[in-house]
């Protein structure tokens, strides 16, 4: 067999592995219960069900696979890293999500984090037999640093296609508003890359912050918490829920803050600032329940279920925390976690 054939076969094996890791991570995240305020296996939203999240988890597979292929080819020197097309793959994954279920936006934040992670994983596994988290983060940073204005324009399209609730408006000079009809042209004209607009958005959005810090929270907190709790309990559901609670306790959810603040202003930055007080109260409750034992004691388990019901009654969904939990799972599974 030729060297070219062997290389292609290895790249496809890497891509299949990364795709399955991503689909499993997204599915495990939504299966975790009770993650307070989220859709999970025993709780739905009026228009979005648990099954929609399972469909969305599977639907992103082809885009994750292609991201891994392109990452591997870039590491092999057969594709320029600024030609990875991260933005177009994010848009493709969102379009696939919308095509495979009718439950609205289930995975926008997850897709935005999983596509560059998959490319980084493809790069990492081309040189190593297994994923090292430090190397994964380095490659992730290289992927984001190499993004272009076209990547930014495609991500703007993806966000509008997903139509997430509570987008708000951004009136700053540093980047065009998402809802502007000429946003894509403006991004290209100004030469603003995906990294540029994510740096602006990171002031009020933790998913954007993760993109520009190379998964700092997911790797340094979420992944480590997940592995520790799983090693102690041997229960993947407990590990997922405790990881979610740990992330929520330390990082007030920007989706919750945005939801609260947009009742008072359409300006996204101001909305998050206004809503951060309530988001911090939610974080405090998560910390209290985790200190009581989370899912490991009767008292704390009952408190956790009450917390879940309370957030639902108030219409508060820590969706960004769910995105970080999913990404923590992806890093763990890529690194070899099996249960």
C-alpha atoms as a PDB file:
ATOM      1  CA  UNK A   1       0.000   0.000   0.000  1.00  0.00           C
ATOM      2  CA  UNK A   2       1.189   3.504  -0.840  1.00  0.00           C
ATOM      3  CA  UNK A   3       2.178   6.057   1.801  1.00  0.00           C
ATOM      4  CA  UNK A   4      -0.630   8.334   0.565  1.00  0.00           C
ATOM      5  CA  UNK A   5      -3.196   5.575   1.108  1.00  0.00           C
ATOM      6  CA  UNK A   6      -1.889   4.835   4.605  1.00  0.00           C
ATOM      7  CA  UNK A   7      -1.958   8.522   5.492  1.00  0.00           C
ATOM      8  CA  UNK A   8      -5.509   8.924   4.246  1.00  0.00           C
ATOM      9  CA  UNK A   9      -6.611   5.824   6.142  1.00  0.00           C
ATOM     10  CA  UNK A  10      -5.056   7.143   9.362  1.00  0.00           C
ATOM     11  CA  UNK A  11      -6.682  10.557   8.918  1.00  0.00           C
ATOM     12  CA  UNK A  12     -10.082   8.924   8.412  1.00  0.00           C
ATOM     13  CA  UNK A  13      -9.602   6.782  11.534  1.00  0.00           C
ATOM     14  CA  UNK A  14      -8.776   9.916  13.523  1.00  0.00           C
ATOM     15  CA  UNK A  15     -11.823  11.715  12.110  1.00  0.00           C
ATOM     16  CA  UNK A  16     -14.151   8.828  12.947  1.00  0.00           C
ATOM     17  CA  UNK A  17     -12.818   8.765  16.491  1.00  0.00           C
ATOM     18  CA  UNK A  18     -13.243  12.502  16.992  1.00  0.00           C
ATOM     19  CA  UNK A  19     -16.757  12.441  15.540  1.00  0.00           C
ATOM     20  CA  UNK A  20     -17.879   9.685  17.888  1.00  0.00           C
ATOM     21  CA  UNK A  21     -16.311  11.433  20.863  1.00  0.00           C
ATOM     22  CA  UNK A  22     -18.241  14.590  20.006  1.00  0.00           C
ATOM     23  CA  UNK A  23     -21.582  12.880  19.485  1.00  0.00           C
ATOM     24  CA  UNK A  24     -21.194  10.933  22.728  1.00  0.00           C
ATOM     25  CA  UNK A  25     -20.168  14.024  24.708  1.00  0.00           C
ATOM     26  CA  UNK A  26     -23.184  16.028  23.506  1.00  0.00           C
ATOM     27  CA  UNK A  27     -25.552  13.136  24.223  1.00  0.00           C
ATOM     28  CA  UNK A  28     -24.131  12.488  27.697  1.00  0.00           C
ATOM     29  CA  UNK A  29     -24.481  16.142  28.610  1.00  0.00           C
ATOM     30  CA  UNK A  30     -28.225  16.212  27.965  1.00  0.00           C
ATOM     31  CA  UNK A  31     -28.679  12.820  29.638  1.00  0.00           C
ATOM     32  CA  UNK A  32     -27.266  14.157  32.896  1.00  0.00           C
ATOM     33  CA  UNK A  33     -30.053  14.660  35.441  1.00  0.00           C
ATOM     34  CA  UNK A  34     -31.154  16.680  37.108  1.00  0.00           C
ATOM     35  CA  UNK A  35     -29.061  19.529  35.709  1.00  0.00           C
ATOM     36  CA  UNK A  36     -31.068  22.389  37.241  1.00  0.00           C
ATOM     37  CA  UNK A  37     -32.961  24.455  34.686  1.00  0.00           C
ATOM     38  CA  UNK A  38     -31.860  22.433  31.636  1.00  0.00           C
ATOM     39  CA  UNK A  39     -33.688  19.947  29.465  1.00  0.00           C
ATOM     40  CA  UNK A  40     -32.674  16.499  30.698  1.00  0.00           C
ATOM     41  CA  UNK A  41     -33.967  12.956  30.552  1.00  0.00           C
ATOM     42  CA  UNK A  42     -36.894  13.645  32.887  1.00  0.00           C
ATOM     43  CA  UNK A  43     -37.691  17.253  31.937  1.00  0.00           C
ATOM     44  CA  UNK A  44     -38.574  19.069  28.709  1.00  0.00           C
ATOM     45  CA  UNK A  45     -39.268  22.647  27.695  1.00  0.00           C
ATOM     46  CA  UNK A  46     -42.589  23.457  25.988  1.00  0.00           C
ATOM     47  CA  UNK A  47     -41.108  23.440  22.470  1.00  0.00           C
ATOM     48  CA  UNK A  48     -37.833  21.597  23.012  1.00  0.00           C
ATOM     49  CA  UNK A  49     -37.675  18.037  24.240  1.00  0.00           C
ATOM     50  CA  UNK A  50     -34.960  15.672  25.419  1.00  0.00           C
ATOM     51  CA  UNK A  51     -35.290  13.808  22.115  1.00  0.00           C
ATOM     52  CA  UNK A  52     -34.506  16.991  20.186  1.00  0.00           C
ATOM     53  CA  UNK A  53     -31.190  17.240  22.015  1.00  0.00           C
ATOM     54  CA  UNK A  54     -30.371  13.623  21.195  1.00  0.00           C
ATOM     55  CA  UNK A  55     -31.132  14.293  17.526  1.00  0.00           C
ATOM     56  CA  UNK A  56     -28.991  17.434  17.632  1.00  0.00           C
ATOM     57  CA  UNK A  57     -26.134  15.523  19.267  1.00  0.00           C
ATOM     58  CA  UNK A  58     -26.068  13.020  16.427  1.00  0.00           C
ATOM     59  CA  UNK A  59     -26.656  15.543  13.642  1.00  0.00           C
ATOM     60  CA  UNK A  60     -23.394  17.433  14.232  1.00  0.00           C
ATOM     61  CA  UNK A  61     -21.316  14.310  13.566  1.00  0.00           C
ATOM     62  CA  UNK A  62     -20.413  14.896   9.882  1.00  0.00           C
ATOM     63  CA  UNK A  63     -19.248  18.469  10.527  1.00  0.00           C
ATOM     64  CA  UNK A  64     -17.117  17.333  13.490  1.00  0.00           C
ATOM     65  CA  UNK A  65     -15.601  14.608  11.319  1.00  0.00           C
ATOM     66  CA  UNK A  66     -14.726  17.072   8.573  1.00  0.00           C
ATOM     67  CA  UNK A  67     -13.205  19.468  11.111  1.00  0.00           C
ATOM     68  CA  UNK A  68     -10.964  16.664  12.372  1.00  0.00           C
ATOM     69  CA  UNK A  69      -9.930  15.758   8.819  1.00  0.00           C
ATOM     70  CA  UNK A  70      -8.998  19.346   8.048  1.00  0.00           C
ATOM     71  CA  UNK A  71      -7.112  19.673  11.315  1.00  0.00           C
ATOM     72  CA  UNK A  72      -5.120  16.536  10.558  1.00  0.00           C
ATOM     73  CA  UNK A  73      -4.365  17.687   7.010  1.00  0.00           C
ATOM     74  CA  UNK A  74      -3.182  21.041   8.323  1.00  0.00           C
ATOM     75  CA  UNK A  75      -0.821  19.355  10.763  1.00  0.00           C
ATOM     76  CA  UNK A  76       0.501  17.191   7.914  1.00  0.00           C
ATOM     77  CA  UNK A  77       1.192  20.330   5.879  1.00  0.00           C
ATOM     78  CA  UNK A  78      -1.375  19.481   3.226  1.00  0.00           C
ATOM     79  CA  UNK A  79      -3.748  22.332   4.101  1.00  0.00           C
ATOM     80  CA  UNK A  80      -3.002  25.844   5.268  1.00  0.00           C
ATOM     81  CA  UNK A  81      -4.338  26.352   8.764  1.00  0.00           C
ATOM     82  CA  UNK A  82      -6.165  29.532   7.763  1.00  0.00           C
ATOM     83  CA  UNK A  83      -8.069  27.421   5.228  1.00  0.00           C
ATOM     84  CA  UNK A  84      -9.651  25.149   7.848  1.00  0.00           C
ATOM     85  CA  UNK A  85     -13.011  26.836   7.334  1.00  0.00           C
ATOM     86  CA  UNK A  86     -14.052  26.752  10.984  1.00  0.00           C
ATOM     87  CA  UNK A  87     -16.856  29.232  10.343  1.00  0.00           C
ATOM     88  CA  UNK A  88     -18.352  27.344   7.421  1.00  0.00           C
ATOM     89  CA  UNK A  89     -18.254  24.105   9.431  1.00  0.00           C
ATOM     90  CA  UNK A  90     -20.037  25.776  12.350  1.00  0.00           C
ATOM     91  CA  UNK A  91     -22.703  26.960   9.931  1.00  0.00           C
ATOM     92  CA  UNK A  92     -22.936  23.488   8.393  1.00  0.00           C
ATOM     93  CA  UNK A  93     -23.399  21.869  11.800  1.00  0.00           C
ATOM     94  CA  UNK A  94     -26.124  24.365  12.721  1.00  0.00           C
ATOM     95  CA  UNK A  95     -27.896  23.733   9.404  1.00  0.00           C
ATOM     96  CA  UNK A  96     -27.713  19.974  10.057  1.00  0.00           C
ATOM     97  CA  UNK A  97     -29.114  20.485  13.551  1.00  0.00           C
ATOM     98  CA  UNK A  98     -32.062  22.415  12.134  1.00  0.00           C
ATOM     99  CA  UNK A  99     -32.635  19.778   9.451  1.00  0.00           C
ATOM    100  CA  UNK A 100     -32.796  16.826  11.822  1.00  0.00           C
ATOM    101  CA  UNK A 101     -35.295  18.051  14.410  1.00  0.00           C
ATOM    102  CA  UNK A 102     -37.974  20.676  14.955  1.00  0.00           C
ATOM    103  CA  UNK A 103     -37.028  21.662  18.487  1.00  0.00           C
ATOM    104  CA  UNK A 104     -35.269  24.909  17.667  1.00  0.00           C
ATOM    105  CA  UNK A 105     -31.770  25.740  18.846  1.00  0.00           C
ATOM    106  CA  UNK A 106     -30.409  22.864  20.883  1.00  0.00           C
ATOM    107  CA  UNK A 107     -26.662  23.044  20.287  1.00  0.00           C
ATOM    108  CA  UNK A 108     -25.386  26.388  18.992  1.00  0.00           C
ATOM    109  CA  UNK A 109     -22.957  26.961  21.868  1.00  0.00           C
ATOM    110  CA  UNK A 110     -21.825  23.342  21.806  1.00  0.00           C
ATOM    111  CA  UNK A 111     -21.202  23.492  18.051  1.00  0.00           C
ATOM    112  CA  UNK A 112     -19.195  26.702  18.358  1.00  0.00           C
ATOM    113  CA  UNK A 113     -16.898  24.983  20.852  1.00  0.00           C
ATOM    114  CA  UNK A 114     -16.892  21.480  19.352  1.00  0.00           C
ATOM    115  CA  UNK A 115     -15.886  22.429  15.788  1.00  0.00           C
ATOM    116  CA  UNK A 116     -12.547  24.072  16.688  1.00  0.00           C
ATOM    117  CA  UNK A 117     -11.966  21.401  19.344  1.00  0.00           C
ATOM    118  CA  UNK A 118     -12.450  18.708  16.709  1.00  0.00           C
ATOM    119  CA  UNK A 119      -9.983  20.433  14.386  1.00  0.00           C
ATOM    120  CA  UNK A 120      -7.520  20.700  17.276  1.00  0.00           C
ATOM    121  CA  UNK A 121      -8.049  17.037  18.136  1.00  0.00           C
ATOM    122  CA  UNK A 122      -7.338  16.071  14.515  1.00  0.00           C
ATOM    123  CA  UNK A 123      -4.094  18.032  14.720  1.00  0.00           C
ATOM    124  CA  UNK A 124      -3.159  16.463  18.053  1.00  0.00           C
ATOM    125  CA  UNK A 125      -3.870  12.858  17.086  1.00  0.00           C
ATOM    126  CA  UNK A 126      -1.862  13.207  13.888  1.00  0.00           C
ATOM    127  CA  UNK A 127       1.277  13.514  15.984  1.00  0.00           C
ATOM    128  CA  UNK A 128       0.301  11.524  19.095  1.00  0.00           C
ATOM    129  CA  UNK A 129      -1.483   8.256  19.817  1.00  0.00           C
ATOM    130  CA  UNK A 130      -3.711   9.928  22.388  1.00  0.00           C
ATOM    131  CA  UNK A 131      -4.973  13.373  23.248  1.00  0.00           C
ATOM    132  CA  UNK A 132      -2.899  15.352  25.718  1.00  0.00           C
ATOM    133  CA  UNK A 133      -4.952  18.239  27.107  1.00  0.00           C
ATOM    134  CA  UNK A 134      -2.065  20.709  27.030  1.00  0.00           C
ATOM    135  CA  UNK A 135      -1.356  19.918  23.387  1.00  0.00           C
ATOM    136  CA  UNK A 136      -5.052  20.045  22.545  1.00  0.00           C
ATOM    137  CA  UNK A 137      -5.304  23.560  23.993  1.00  0.00           C
ATOM    138  CA  UNK A 138      -2.229  24.692  22.076  1.00  0.00           C
ATOM    139  CA  UNK A 139      -3.699  23.435  18.823  1.00  0.00           C
ATOM    140  CA  UNK A 140      -7.087  24.956  19.675  1.00  0.00           C
ATOM    141  CA  UNK A 141      -5.421  28.337  20.144  1.00  0.00           C
ATOM    142  CA  UNK A 142      -3.665  27.935  16.782  1.00  0.00           C
ATOM    143  CA  UNK A 143      -7.007  27.154  15.116  1.00  0.00           C
ATOM    144  CA  UNK A 144      -8.725  30.239  16.546  1.00  0.00           C
ATOM    145  CA  UNK A 145      -5.705  32.473  15.900  1.00  0.00           C
ATOM    146  CA  UNK A 146      -5.811  31.474  12.228  1.00  0.00           C
ATOM    147  CA  UNK A 147      -9.487  32.288  11.652  1.00  0.00           C
ATOM    148  CA  UNK A 148     -10.490  34.802   8.989  1.00  0.00           C
ATOM    149  CA  UNK A 149     -13.192  37.365   8.345  1.00  0.00           C
ATOM    150  CA  UNK A 150     -15.008  34.742   6.261  1.00  0.00           C
ATOM    151  CA  UNK A 151     -15.084  32.496   9.327  1.00  0.00           C
ATOM    152  CA  UNK A 152     -16.629  35.375  11.266  1.00  0.00           C
ATOM    153  CA  UNK A 153     -19.236  35.988   8.566  1.00  0.00           C
ATOM    154  CA  UNK A 154     -20.214  32.310   8.487  1.00  0.00           C
ATOM    155  CA  UNK A 155     -20.568  32.217  12.274  1.00  0.00           C
ATOM    156  CA  UNK A 156     -22.823  35.275  12.145  1.00  0.00           C
ATOM    157  CA  UNK A 157     -24.954  33.359   9.625  1.00  0.00           C
ATOM    158  CA  UNK A 158     -24.928  30.294  11.863  1.00  0.00           C
ATOM    159  CA  UNK A 159     -26.087  32.253  14.903  1.00  0.00           C
ATOM    160  CA  UNK A 160     -28.935  33.848  12.969  1.00  0.00           C
ATOM    161  CA  UNK A 161     -29.879  30.469  11.502  1.00  0.00           C
ATOM    162  CA  UNK A 162     -29.973  28.885  14.968  1.00  0.00           C
ATOM    163  CA  UNK A 163     -32.059  31.847  16.167  1.00  0.00           C
ATOM    164  CA  UNK A 164     -31.221  31.445  19.854  1.00  0.00           C
ATOM    165  CA  UNK A 165     -33.505  33.122  22.341  1.00  0.00           C
ATOM    166  CA  UNK A 166     -32.512  36.487  23.747  1.00  0.00           C
ATOM    167  CA  UNK A 167     -29.769  37.623  21.389  1.00  0.00           C
ATOM    168  CA  UNK A 168     -30.142  41.305  22.139  1.00  0.00           C
ATOM    169  CA  UNK A 169     -28.318  44.060  20.260  1.00  0.00           C
ATOM    170  CA  UNK A 170     -24.722  45.154  20.181  1.00  0.00           C
ATOM    171  CA  UNK A 171     -24.088  48.730  19.176  1.00  0.00           C
ATOM    172  CA  UNK A 172     -20.315  48.888  19.546  1.00  0.00           C
ATOM    173  CA  UNK A 173     -17.832  50.000  16.915  1.00  0.00           C
ATOM    174  CA  UNK A 174     -15.579  46.965  17.312  1.00  0.00           C
ATOM    175  CA  UNK A 175     -17.910  44.542  15.524  1.00  0.00           C
ATOM    176  CA  UNK A 176     -21.233  44.784  13.671  1.00  0.00           C
ATOM    177  CA  UNK A 177     -24.451  43.767  15.359  1.00  0.00           C
ATOM    178  CA  UNK A 178     -25.535  40.203  14.659  1.00  0.00           C
ATOM    179  CA  UNK A 179     -28.896  41.302  13.293  1.00  0.00           C
ATOM    180  CA  UNK A 180     -27.461  43.868  10.873  1.00  0.00           C
ATOM    181  CA  UNK A 181     -28.350  42.886   7.273  1.00  0.00           C
ATOM    182  CA  UNK A 182     -24.873  43.829   6.034  1.00  0.00           C
ATOM    183  CA  UNK A 183     -22.968  42.324   8.992  1.00  0.00           C
ATOM    184  CA  UNK A 184     -21.102  39.799   6.849  1.00  0.00           C
ATOM    185  CA  UNK A 185     -19.939  42.416   4.357  1.00  0.00           C
ATOM    186  CA  UNK A 186     -18.917  44.696   7.207  1.00  0.00           C
ATOM    187  CA  UNK A 187     -16.822  41.966   8.823  1.00  0.00           C
ATOM    188  CA  UNK A 188     -15.025  41.248   5.569  1.00  0.00           C
ATOM    189  CA  UNK A 189     -14.536  44.923   4.718  1.00  0.00           C
ATOM    190  CA  UNK A 190     -13.027  45.645   8.139  1.00  0.00           C
ATOM    191  CA  UNK A 191     -10.977  42.422   8.124  1.00  0.00           C
ATOM    192  CA  UNK A 192     -12.442  41.283  11.443  1.00  0.00           C
ATOM    193  CA  UNK A 193     -11.689  37.642  12.132  1.00  0.00           C
ATOM    194  CA  UNK A 194     -13.713  35.170  14.159  1.00  0.00           C
ATOM    195  CA  UNK A 195     -11.208  35.605  16.971  1.00  0.00           C
ATOM    196  CA  UNK A 196     -11.715  39.372  16.843  1.00  0.00           C
ATOM    197  CA  UNK A 197     -15.481  39.179  17.262  1.00  0.00           C
ATOM    198  CA  UNK A 198     -15.219  36.476  19.914  1.00  0.00           C
ATOM    199  CA  UNK A 199     -12.860  38.695  21.908  1.00  0.00           C
ATOM    200  CA  UNK A 200     -15.480  41.442  21.825  1.00  0.00           C
ATOM    201  CA  UNK A 201     -18.264  39.007  22.757  1.00  0.00           C
ATOM    202  CA  UNK A 202     -16.226  37.445  25.559  1.00  0.00           C
ATOM    203  CA  UNK A 203     -17.093  40.424  27.759  1.00  0.00           C
ATOM    204  CA  UNK A 204     -20.641  39.145  28.104  1.00  0.00           C
ATOM    205  CA  UNK A 205     -20.588  35.566  26.784  1.00  0.00           C
ATOM    206  CA  UNK A 206     -18.676  32.685  28.350  1.00  0.00           C
ATOM    207  CA  UNK A 207     -18.761  30.540  25.197  1.00  0.00           C
ATOM    208  CA  UNK A 208     -16.917  33.331  23.379  1.00  0.00           C
ATOM    209  CA  UNK A 209     -14.502  33.522  26.303  1.00  0.00           C
ATOM    210  CA  UNK A 210     -13.777  29.810  25.967  1.00  0.00           C
ATOM    211  CA  UNK A 211     -12.996  30.258  22.292  1.00  0.00           C
ATOM    212  CA  UNK A 212     -10.415  32.985  22.876  1.00  0.00           C
ATOM    213  CA  UNK A 213      -8.844  31.370  25.965  1.00  0.00           C
ATOM    214  CA  UNK A 214      -8.442  27.915  24.381  1.00  0.00           C
ATOM    215  CA  UNK A 215     -11.050  26.211  26.587  1.00  0.00           C
ATOM    216  CA  UNK A 216      -9.595  27.517  29.832  1.00  0.00           C
ATOM    217  CA  UNK A 217     -12.672  26.779  31.957  1.00  0.00           C
ATOM    218  CA  UNK A 218     -13.596  23.484  30.292  1.00  0.00           C
ATOM    219  CA  UNK A 219     -10.082  22.090  30.630  1.00  0.00           C
ATOM    220  CA  UNK A 220      -8.899  23.558  33.931  1.00  0.00           C
ATOM    221  CA  UNK A 221     -12.170  23.161  35.860  1.00  0.00           C
ATOM    222  CA  UNK A 222     -14.760  21.090  34.016  1.00  0.00           C
ATOM    223  CA  UNK A 223     -12.538  18.272  32.749  1.00  0.00           C
ATOM    224  CA  UNK A 224     -10.636  17.942  36.025  1.00  0.00           C
ATOM    225  CA  UNK A 225     -13.860  17.917  38.057  1.00  0.00           C
ATOM    226  CA  UNK A 226     -15.437  15.324  35.790  1.00  0.00           C
ATOM    227  CA  UNK A 227     -12.466  12.973  36.024  1.00  0.00           C
ATOM    228  CA  UNK A 228     -12.153  13.390  39.800  1.00  0.00           C
ATOM    229  CA  UNK A 229     -15.835  12.765  40.542  1.00  0.00           C
ATOM    230  CA  UNK A 230     -16.016   9.814  38.179  1.00  0.00           C
ATOM    231  CA  UNK A 231     -12.921   8.233  39.752  1.00  0.00           C
ATOM    232  CA  UNK A 232     -14.506   8.655  43.195  1.00  0.00           C
ATOM    233  CA  UNK A 233     -18.043   7.484  42.378  1.00  0.00           C
ATOM    234  CA  UNK A 234     -17.810   5.335  39.245  1.00  0.00           C
ATOM    235  CA  UNK A 235     -21.118   6.960  38.212  1.00  0.00           C
ATOM    236  CA  UNK A 236     -21.044   8.985  34.982  1.00  0.00           C
ATOM    237  CA  UNK A 237     -24.356  10.717  35.761  1.00  0.00           C
ATOM    238  CA  UNK A 238     -23.089  11.923  39.134  1.00  0.00           C
ATOM    239  CA  UNK A 239     -19.890  13.078  37.449  1.00  0.00           C
ATOM    240  CA  UNK A 240     -21.799  15.047  34.790  1.00  0.00           C
ATOM    241  CA  UNK A 241     -24.189  16.686  37.260  1.00  0.00           C
ATOM    242  CA  UNK A 242     -21.440  17.584  39.727  1.00  0.00           C
ATOM    243  CA  UNK A 243     -19.335  19.027  36.911  1.00  0.00           C
ATOM    244  CA  UNK A 244     -22.323  21.145  35.867  1.00  0.00           C
ATOM    245  CA  UNK A 245     -22.852  22.331  39.453  1.00  0.00           C
ATOM    246  CA  UNK A 246     -19.156  23.106  39.907  1.00  0.00           C
ATOM    247  CA  UNK A 247     -19.046  25.164  36.709  1.00  0.00           C
ATOM    248  CA  UNK A 248     -22.284  26.934  37.596  1.00  0.00           C
ATOM    249  CA  UNK A 249     -21.067  27.687  41.126  1.00  0.00           C
ATOM    250  CA  UNK A 250     -17.842  29.307  39.895  1.00  0.00           C
ATOM    251  CA  UNK A 251     -19.004  31.033  36.714  1.00  0.00           C
ATOM    252  CA  UNK A 252     -22.373  32.806  36.826  1.00  0.00           C
ATOM    253  CA  UNK A 253     -24.254  31.772  33.711  1.00  0.00           C
ATOM    254  CA  UNK A 254     -24.212  34.479  31.052  1.00  0.00           C
ATOM    255  CA  UNK A 255     -27.287  33.023  29.347  1.00  0.00           C
ATOM    256  CA  UNK A 256     -29.234  33.437  32.595  1.00  0.00           C
ATOM    257  CA  UNK A 257     -27.893  36.978  33.019  1.00  0.00           C
ATOM    258  CA  UNK A 258     -28.813  37.829  29.442  1.00  0.00           C
ATOM    259  CA  UNK A 259     -32.320  36.420  29.839  1.00  0.00           C
ATOM    260  CA  UNK A 260     -32.929  38.513  32.961  1.00  0.00           C
ATOM    261  CA  UNK A 261     -31.320  41.697  31.674  1.00  0.00           C
ATOM    262  CA  UNK A 262     -33.067  41.730  28.304  1.00  0.00           C
ATOM    263  CA  UNK A 263     -36.310  42.376  30.157  1.00  0.00           C
ATOM    264  CA  UNK A 264     -34.921  45.850  30.812  1.00  0.00           C
ATOM    265  CA  UNK A 265     -32.746  46.680  27.790  1.00  0.00           C
ATOM    266  CA  UNK A 266     -31.987  45.321  24.341  1.00  0.00           C
ATOM    267  CA  UNK A 267     -28.283  46.195  24.660  1.00  0.00           C
ATOM    268  CA  UNK A 268     -26.588  42.840  25.199  1.00  0.00           C
ATOM    269  CA  UNK A 269     -23.651  44.119  27.253  1.00  0.00           C
ATOM    270  CA  UNK A 270     -25.888  46.150  29.543  1.00  0.00           C
ATOM    271  CA  UNK A 271     -28.397  43.283  29.778  1.00  0.00           C
ATOM    272  CA  UNK A 272     -25.768  40.861  31.071  1.00  0.00           C
ATOM    273  CA  UNK A 273     -24.552  43.461  33.551  1.00  0.00           C
ATOM    274  CA  UNK A 274     -28.109  43.984  34.831  1.00  0.00           C
ATOM    275  CA  UNK A 275     -28.838  40.262  35.042  1.00  0.00           C
ATOM    276  CA  UNK A 276     -25.554  39.229  36.611  1.00  0.00           C
ATOM    277  CA  UNK A 277     -26.880  39.731  40.136  1.00  0.00           C
ATOM    278  CA  UNK A 278     -29.575  37.121  39.638  1.00  0.00           C
ATOM    279  CA  UNK A 279     -27.104  34.843  37.844  1.00  0.00           C
ATOM    280  CA  UNK A 280     -24.802  35.056  40.875  1.00  0.00           C
ATOM    281  CA  UNK A 281     -27.691  34.045  43.148  1.00  0.00           C
ATOM    282  CA  UNK A 282     -28.175  30.945  41.000  1.00  0.00           C
ATOM    283  CA  UNK A 283     -24.442  30.215  41.283  1.00  0.00           C
ATOM    284  CA  UNK A 284     -24.614  30.549  45.056  1.00  0.00           C
ATOM    285  CA  UNK A 285     -27.407  27.982  45.226  1.00  0.00           C
ATOM    286  CA  UNK A 286     -25.418  25.583  43.059  1.00  0.00           C
ATOM    287  CA  UNK A 287     -22.442  25.938  45.385  1.00  0.00           C
ATOM    288  CA  UNK A 288     -24.583  25.302  48.473  1.00  0.00           C
ATOM    289  CA  UNK A 289     -26.052  22.124  46.991  1.00  0.00           C
ATOM    290  CA  UNK A 290     -22.656  20.880  45.890  1.00  0.00           C
ATOM    291  CA  UNK A 291     -21.259  21.457  49.386  1.00  0.00           C
ATOM    292  CA  UNK A 292     -24.169  19.439  50.814  1.00  0.00           C
ATOM    293  CA  UNK A 293     -23.172  16.527  48.578  1.00  0.00           C
ATOM    294  CA  UNK A 294     -24.938  17.048  45.268  1.00  0.00           C
ATOM    295  CA  UNK A 295     -26.350  13.703  44.182  1.00  0.00           C
ATOM    296  CA  UNK A 296     -24.558  11.715  46.881  1.00  0.00           C
ATOM    297  CA  UNK A 297     -26.791  12.359  49.920  1.00  0.00           C
ATOM    298  CA  UNK A 298     -30.542  12.313  50.460  1.00  0.00           C
ATOM    299  CA  UNK A 299     -30.707  15.885  51.768  1.00  0.00           C
ATOM    300  CA  UNK A 300     -28.643  17.374  48.959  1.00  0.00           C
ATOM    301  CA  UNK A 301     -30.410  15.306  46.295  1.00  0.00           C
ATOM    302  CA  UNK A 302     -33.782  16.611  47.457  1.00  0.00           C
ATOM    303  CA  UNK A 303     -32.391  20.167  47.433  1.00  0.00           C
ATOM    304  CA  UNK A 304     -31.109  19.625  43.906  1.00  0.00           C
ATOM    305  CA  UNK A 305     -34.501  18.536  42.596  1.00  0.00           C
ATOM    306  CA  UNK A 306     -36.143  21.527  44.298  1.00  0.00           C
ATOM    307  CA  UNK A 307     -33.565  23.811  42.683  1.00  0.00           C
ATOM    308  CA  UNK A 308     -34.370  22.320  39.279  1.00  0.00           C
ATOM    309  CA  UNK A 309     -38.085  22.957  39.767  1.00  0.00           C
ATOM    310  CA  UNK A 310     -37.452  26.484  41.022  1.00  0.00           C
ATOM    311  CA  UNK A 311     -35.369  27.492  38.017  1.00  0.00           C
ATOM    312  CA  UNK A 312     -38.002  26.110  35.661  1.00  0.00           C
ATOM    313  CA  UNK A 313     -40.750  28.037  37.411  1.00  0.00           C
ATOM    314  CA  UNK A 314     -38.704  31.225  37.000  1.00  0.00           C
ATOM    315  CA  UNK A 315     -37.832  30.506  33.378  1.00  0.00           C
ATOM    316  CA  UNK A 316     -34.099  30.424  34.098  1.00  0.00           C
ATOM    317  CA  UNK A 317     -31.998  28.017  32.051  1.00  0.00           C
ATOM    318  CA  UNK A 318     -28.209  27.935  32.647  1.00  0.00           C
ATOM    319  CA  UNK A 319     -27.610  27.007  29.019  1.00  0.00           C
ATOM    320  CA  UNK A 320     -24.047  28.300  28.871  1.00  0.00           C
ATOM    321  CA  UNK A 321     -23.125  26.038  31.781  1.00  0.00           C
ATOM    322  CA  UNK A 322     -24.533  23.125  29.791  1.00  0.00           C
ATOM    323  CA  UNK A 323     -22.276  24.075  26.857  1.00  0.00           C
ATOM    324  CA  UNK A 324     -19.228  24.096  29.140  1.00  0.00           C
ATOM    325  CA  UNK A 325     -20.252  20.752  30.623  1.00  0.00           C
ATOM    326  CA  UNK A 326     -20.534  19.231  27.155  1.00  0.00           C
ATOM    327  CA  UNK A 327     -17.101  20.564  26.204  1.00  0.00           C
ATOM    328  CA  UNK A 328     -15.617  19.198  29.434  1.00  0.00           C
ATOM    329  CA  UNK A 329     -17.064  15.817  28.482  1.00  0.00           C
ATOM    330  CA  UNK A 330     -15.593  16.072  24.989  1.00  0.00           C
ATOM    331  CA  UNK A 331     -12.112  16.749  26.364  1.00  0.00           C
ATOM    332  CA  UNK A 332     -12.445  13.824  28.777  1.00  0.00           C
ATOM    333  CA  UNK A 333     -13.704  11.385  26.142  1.00  0.00           C
ATOM    334  CA  UNK A 334     -11.067  12.480  23.628  1.00  0.00           C
ATOM    335  CA  UNK A 335      -8.511  11.847  26.384  1.00  0.00           C
ATOM    336  CA  UNK A 336      -9.749   8.289  26.861  1.00  0.00           C
ATOM    337  CA  UNK A 337     -12.572   8.417  29.424  1.00  0.00           C
ATOM    338  CA  UNK A 338     -14.768   5.327  29.184  1.00  0.00           C
ATOM    339  CA  UNK A 339     -17.482   4.324  31.611  1.00  0.00           C
END
